[in-house]
Amino acid sequence: MNYTSSTNSDSVVKDIALLVVRVFIGFTMLSHGFPKLQILIDGKSDFYDFLGMGPQLTLGLTVFAEFVCSIFLILGLFSRIALGFLIFTMVIAGFVVHATDPFDKQEMSLIYLAVYLLLMVFGVGKVSVDYMIEKRKRANDW
């Protein structure tokens, strides 16, 4: 294996790297989604209404993206759909919610956005439930 080449495409290394990134970014996003889930359960409705559909519904959709979709991402289940919700949420967070804030407030959501876009483009790898389902489908010719 040539570790000096930037075009290294060793499948095992790539899949392990995608797993590590996916699990790390999923758990870090869970740390943002869990407090919002607690707010939703408590019934507080002082959440920023960026969709114009009421703060409770907006909070519910944000919790779905940041908490539920992060769990899907960690498992590698429904990955592209989960990433779509997460990408949308980070675009809104970075460019709408924090639009007038200095860059250091926008930075975190933009970093998440970049990682989610990379995972959307390159996939979540073979160490995922999605891959196991796809492999079984191919074996059974569904």
Protein backbone atom coordinates (compact mmCIF):
# COMPACT_ATOMS: atom_id res chain seq x y z
CA MET A 1 0.00 0.00 0.00
CA ASN A 2 1.35 3.40 -0.98
CA TYR A 3 0.64 5.84 1.88
CA THR A 4 2.23 8.79 0.08
CA SER A 5 -0.22 8.86 -2.81
CA SER A 6 -3.36 10.96 -2.48
CA THR A 7 -5.15 8.63 -4.90
CA ASN A 8 -5.06 5.64 -2.55
CA SER A 9 -8.33 3.76 -2.95
CA ASP A 10 -7.89 0.83 -0.58
CA SER A 11 -11.48 -0.23 0.05
CA VAL A 12 -11.02 -1.45 3.64
CA VAL A 13 -9.28 1.75 4.75
CA LYS A 14 -11.93 3.85 3.00
CA ASP A 15 -14.80 1.94 4.60
CA ILE A 16 -13.27 2.17 8.07
CA ALA A 17 -12.64 5.90 7.61
CA LEU A 18 -16.24 6.44 6.48
CA LEU A 19 -17.46 4.46 9.50
CA VAL A 20 -15.36 6.52 11.92
CA VAL A 21 -16.48 9.83 10.37
CA ARG A 22 -20.11 8.71 10.24
CA VAL A 23 -20.20 7.55 13.87
CA PHE A 24 -18.26 10.57 15.17
CA ILE A 25 -20.34 13.16 13.32
CA GLY A 26 -23.54 11.31 14.21
CA PHE A 27 -22.80 11.29 17.93
CA THR A 28 -21.68 14.92 17.94
CA MET A 29 -24.90 15.95 16.21
CA LEU A 30 -26.86 13.89 18.74
CA SER A 31 -25.37 16.14 21.42
CA HIS A 32 -27.09 19.08 19.68
CA GLY A 33 -30.34 17.23 19.01
CA PHE A 34 -30.88 15.76 22.48
CA PRO A 35 -31.34 19.12 24.28
CA LYS A 36 -33.83 20.12 21.58
CA LEU A 37 -35.66 16.82 22.12
CA GLN A 38 -35.91 17.66 25.83
CA ILE A 39 -37.30 21.11 24.97
CA LEU A 40 -39.86 19.48 22.66
CA ILE A 41 -40.90 16.99 25.36
CA ASP A 42 -41.22 19.81 27.93
CA GLY A 43 -43.58 21.61 25.56
CA LYS A 44 -41.62 24.86 25.42
CA SER A 45 -42.26 26.73 22.20
CA ASP A 46 -39.65 29.49 22.18
CA PHE A 47 -37.80 27.95 19.24
CA TYR A 48 -36.80 30.02 16.19
CA ASP A 49 -39.55 29.56 13.57
CA PHE A 50 -37.48 29.57 10.38
CA LEU A 51 -40.16 27.75 8.35
CA GLY A 52 -43.09 29.98 9.30
CA MET A 53 -45.09 26.92 10.44
CA GLY A 54 -44.99 27.60 14.15
CA PRO A 55 -42.19 27.04 16.64
CA GLN A 56 -43.42 23.59 17.81
CA LEU A 57 -43.50 22.09 14.31
CA THR A 58 -40.20 23.71 13.42
CA LEU A 59 -38.65 22.34 16.61
CA GLY A 60 -40.11 18.91 15.88
CA LEU A 61 -38.59 18.85 12.40
CA THR A 62 -35.25 20.01 13.78
CA VAL A 63 -35.33 17.27 16.43
CA PHE A 64 -36.17 14.72 13.72
CA ALA A 65 -33.17 15.83 11.69
CA GLU A 66 -30.63 16.32 14.47
CA PHE A 67 -31.64 13.39 16.69
CA VAL A 68 -33.46 10.71 14.67
CA CYS A 69 -31.52 11.18 11.43
CA SER A 70 -28.25 11.17 13.39
CA ILE A 71 -29.16 7.75 14.78
CA PHE A 72 -29.90 6.57 11.23
CA LEU A 73 -26.55 7.96 10.12
CA ILE A 74 -24.66 6.19 12.92
CA LEU A 75 -26.30 2.91 11.93
CA GLY A 76 -25.88 3.56 8.23
CA LEU A 77 -29.62 3.05 7.75
CA PHE A 78 -31.60 5.16 5.27
CA SER A 79 -28.36 7.10 4.96
CA ARG A 80 -29.09 9.25 1.91
CA ILE A 81 -32.52 10.25 3.20
CA ALA A 82 -31.12 11.04 6.66
CA LEU A 83 -28.29 13.03 5.10
CA GLY A 84 -30.81 15.00 3.04
CA PHE A 85 -32.61 16.11 6.20
CA LEU A 86 -29.32 16.87 7.96
CA ILE A 87 -27.99 18.86 4.98
CA PHE A 88 -31.21 20.90 4.80
CA THR A 89 -31.05 21.57 8.55
CA MET A 90 -27.41 22.71 8.40
CA VAL A 91 -28.10 24.98 5.41
CA ILE A 92 -30.89 26.63 7.39
CA ALA A 93 -28.74 26.83 10.54
CA GLY A 94 -25.74 28.28 8.74
CA PHE A 95 -27.39 30.62 6.26
CA VAL A 96 -30.72 31.57 7.87
CA VAL A 97 -30.60 31.18 11.66
CA HIS A 98 -27.01 32.45 11.96
CA ALA A 99 -27.06 34.66 8.84
CA THR A 100 -26.35 37.88 10.74
CA ASP A 101 -24.01 36.27 13.27
CA PRO A 102 -20.22 36.43 12.96
CA PHE A 103 -18.48 33.53 11.23
CA ASP A 104 -17.53 31.84 14.49
CA LYS A 105 -21.26 31.28 15.15
CA GLN A 106 -21.87 29.97 11.62
CA GLU A 107 -18.74 27.83 11.53
CA MET A 108 -20.04 24.71 13.30
CA SER A 109 -23.11 24.30 11.12
CA LEU A 110 -21.01 24.85 7.99
CA ILE A 111 -18.50 22.19 9.10
CA TYR A 112 -21.37 19.75 9.67
CA LEU A 113 -22.75 20.71 6.26
CA ALA A 114 -19.41 19.99 4.56
CA VAL A 115 -19.10 16.56 6.21
CA TYR A 116 -22.70 15.66 5.36
CA LEU A 117 -22.16 16.69 1.73
CA LEU A 118 -19.04 14.51 1.54
CA LEU A 119 -20.94 11.55 2.98
CA MET A 120 -23.78 12.16 0.51
CA VAL A 121 -21.34 12.16 -2.42
CA PHE A 122 -19.10 9.26 -1.34
CA GLY A 123 -21.68 7.19 0.53
CA VAL A 124 -21.43 5.75 4.02
CA GLY A 125 -19.35 2.71 3.15
CA LYS A 126 -19.69 -1.03 3.45
CA VAL A 127 -19.86 -1.06 7.24
CA SER A 128 -23.51 0.01 7.28
CA VAL A 129 -26.99 -1.46 7.45
CA ASP A 130 -27.73 0.02 4.02
CA TYR A 131 -24.88 -1.99 2.51
CA MET A 132 -26.03 -5.20 4.21
CA ILE A 133 -29.58 -4.69 2.89
CA GLU A 134 -28.30 -3.95 -0.61
CA LYS A 135 -26.02 -6.99 -0.51
CA ARG A 136 -28.91 -9.22 0.54
CA LYS A 137 -31.15 -7.76 -2.18
CA ARG A 138 -28.52 -8.54 -4.82
CA ALA A 139 -28.07 -12.07 -3.47
CA ASN A 140 -31.82 -12.74 -3.59
CA ASP A 141 -32.36 -10.84 -6.87
CA TRP A 142 -35.14 -8.71 -5.45
